[in-house]
Amino acid sequence: MKSRITQLLIPLLGGTATTAFAADGAMQDGGGLLIWFFIGFGALIIMAQAIPAMIMLYSMLKAVVSPAEKPATHQVK
């Protein structure tokens, strides 16, 4: 039984290592201009979502820190 597990395990481990060797030195030049535009566009999307998030965080903190409003009492005559 032990030899059967070993016979199955060695090809499985050897088969997964070949993809790591195939990717060696895939991009030596550092990427093209299109990659930098893609990274910049991703950063622009993150910043566009961060600005409203900061405004909402400021509003929530302002509501927590501010003193509680007193309920208005109206007298009916």
C-alpha atoms as a PDB file:
ATOM      1  CA  MET A   1       0.000   0.000   0.000  1.00  0.00           C
ATOM      2  CA  LYS A   2       2.869   2.333   0.834  1.00  0.00           C
ATOM      3  CA  SER A   3       4.535   1.757  -2.516  1.00  0.00           C
ATOM      4  CA  ARG A   4       1.247   2.466  -4.314  1.00  0.00           C
ATOM      5  CA  ILE A   5       0.926   5.859  -2.592  1.00  0.00           C
ATOM      6  CA  THR A   6       4.525   6.653  -3.498  1.00  0.00           C
ATOM      7  CA  GLN A   7       3.894   5.664  -7.124  1.00  0.00           C
ATOM      8  CA  LEU A   8       0.947   8.074  -7.274  1.00  0.00           C
ATOM      9  CA  LEU A   9       2.553  10.892  -5.313  1.00  0.00           C
ATOM     10  CA  ILE A  10       5.800  11.239  -7.280  1.00  0.00           C
ATOM     11  CA  PRO A  11       4.167  11.980 -10.683  1.00  0.00           C
ATOM     12  CA  LEU A  12       1.709  14.403  -9.071  1.00  0.00           C
ATOM     13  CA  LEU A  13       4.472  16.408  -7.405  1.00  0.00           C
ATOM     14  CA  GLY A  14       6.674  16.263 -10.484  1.00  0.00           C
ATOM     15  CA  GLY A  15       3.852  17.412 -12.733  1.00  0.00           C
ATOM     16  CA  THR A  16       3.132  20.514 -10.702  1.00  0.00           C
ATOM     17  CA  ALA A  17       6.781  21.646 -10.697  1.00  0.00           C
ATOM     18  CA  THR A  18       6.967  21.939 -14.479  1.00  0.00           C
ATOM     19  CA  THR A  19       4.809  25.077 -14.566  1.00  0.00           C
ATOM     20  CA  ALA A  20       7.261  26.885 -12.287  1.00  0.00           C
ATOM     21  CA  PHE A  21      10.146  26.099 -14.615  1.00  0.00           C
ATOM     22  CA  ALA A  22       8.186  27.147 -17.691  1.00  0.00           C
ATOM     23  CA  ALA A  23       7.635  30.678 -16.346  1.00  0.00           C
ATOM     24  CA  ASP A  24      11.307  31.428 -15.769  1.00  0.00           C
ATOM     25  CA  GLY A  25      12.289  34.765 -17.309  1.00  0.00           C
ATOM     26  CA  ALA A  26       8.948  35.424 -18.970  1.00  0.00           C
ATOM     27  CA  MET A  27       9.223  39.206 -18.750  1.00  0.00           C
ATOM     28  CA  GLN A  28      12.793  40.455 -18.752  1.00  0.00           C
ATOM     29  CA  ASP A  29      12.107  43.919 -20.214  1.00  0.00           C
ATOM     30  CA  GLY A  30       9.987  45.209 -17.308  1.00  0.00           C
ATOM     31  CA  GLY A  31       6.715  45.480 -19.205  1.00  0.00           C
ATOM     32  CA  GLY A  32       5.426  47.792 -21.853  1.00  0.00           C
ATOM     33  CA  LEU A  33       3.613  51.085 -21.735  1.00  0.00           C
ATOM     34  CA  LEU A  34       0.228  49.362 -21.779  1.00  0.00           C
ATOM     35  CA  ILE A  35       0.976  47.624 -18.472  1.00  0.00           C
ATOM     36  CA  TRP A  36       1.762  50.963 -16.819  1.00  0.00           C
ATOM     37  CA  PHE A  37      -1.496  52.424 -18.145  1.00  0.00           C
ATOM     38  CA  PHE A  38      -3.351  49.437 -16.675  1.00  0.00           C
ATOM     39  CA  ILE A  39      -1.699  49.913 -13.271  1.00  0.00           C
ATOM     40  CA  GLY A  40      -2.469  53.643 -13.360  1.00  0.00           C
ATOM     41  CA  PHE A  41      -6.096  52.977 -14.278  1.00  0.00           C
ATOM     42  CA  GLY A  42      -6.387  50.562 -11.337  1.00  0.00           C
ATOM     43  CA  ALA A  43      -4.930  53.188  -8.992  1.00  0.00           C
ATOM     44  CA  LEU A  44      -7.384  55.757 -10.378  1.00  0.00           C
ATOM     45  CA  ILE A  45     -10.327  53.450  -9.635  1.00  0.00           C
ATOM     46  CA  ILE A  46      -9.102  52.850  -6.075  1.00  0.00           C
ATOM     47  CA  MET A  47      -8.689  56.589  -5.448  1.00  0.00           C
ATOM     48  CA  ALA A  48     -12.127  57.316  -6.919  1.00  0.00           C
ATOM     49  CA  GLN A  49     -13.617  54.908  -4.382  1.00  0.00           C
ATOM     50  CA  ALA A  50     -11.465  56.134  -1.488  1.00  0.00           C
ATOM     51  CA  ILE A  51     -12.595  59.775  -1.681  1.00  0.00           C
ATOM     52  CA  PRO A  52     -16.312  59.088  -0.953  1.00  0.00           C
ATOM     53  CA  ALA A  53     -15.269  56.564   1.695  1.00  0.00           C
ATOM     54  CA  MET A  54     -13.226  59.219   3.514  1.00  0.00           C
ATOM     55  CA  ILE A  55     -16.106  61.694   3.322  1.00  0.00           C
ATOM     56  CA  MET A  56     -18.471  59.098   4.807  1.00  0.00           C
ATOM     57  CA  LEU A  57     -15.976  58.215   7.550  1.00  0.00           C
ATOM     58  CA  TYR A  58     -15.639  61.906   8.438  1.00  0.00           C
ATOM     59  CA  SER A  59     -19.436  62.269   8.617  1.00  0.00           C
ATOM     60  CA  MET A  60     -19.795  59.226  10.862  1.00  0.00           C
ATOM     61  CA  LEU A  61     -17.041  60.387  13.213  1.00  0.00           C
ATOM     62  CA  LYS A  62     -18.560  63.872  13.348  1.00  0.00           C
ATOM     63  CA  ALA A  63     -21.948  62.370  14.271  1.00  0.00           C
ATOM     64  CA  VAL A  64     -20.434  60.214  17.012  1.00  0.00           C
ATOM     65  CA  VAL A  65     -18.395  63.030  18.584  1.00  0.00           C
ATOM     66  CA  SER A  66     -21.024  65.766  18.401  1.00  0.00           C
ATOM     67  CA  PRO A  67     -23.312  66.275  21.407  1.00  0.00           C
ATOM     68  CA  ALA A  68     -26.741  64.674  21.296  1.00  0.00           C
ATOM     69  CA  GLU A  69     -29.619  66.831  20.162  1.00  0.00           C
ATOM     70  CA  LYS A  70     -32.294  67.613  22.718  1.00  0.00           C
ATOM     71  CA  PRO A  71     -35.787  66.606  21.651  1.00  0.00           C
ATOM     72  CA  ALA A  72     -38.040  69.564  20.967  1.00  0.00           C
ATOM     73  CA  THR A  73     -41.058  69.800  23.263  1.00  0.00           C
ATOM     74  CA  HIS A  74     -44.107  71.505  21.836  1.00  0.00           C
ATOM     75  CA  GLN A  75     -46.909  72.618  24.067  1.00  0.00           C
ATOM     76  CA  VAL A  76     -50.382  72.604  22.654  1.00  0.00           C
ATOM     77  CA  LYS A  77     -52.757  75.247  24.011  1.00  0.00           C
END
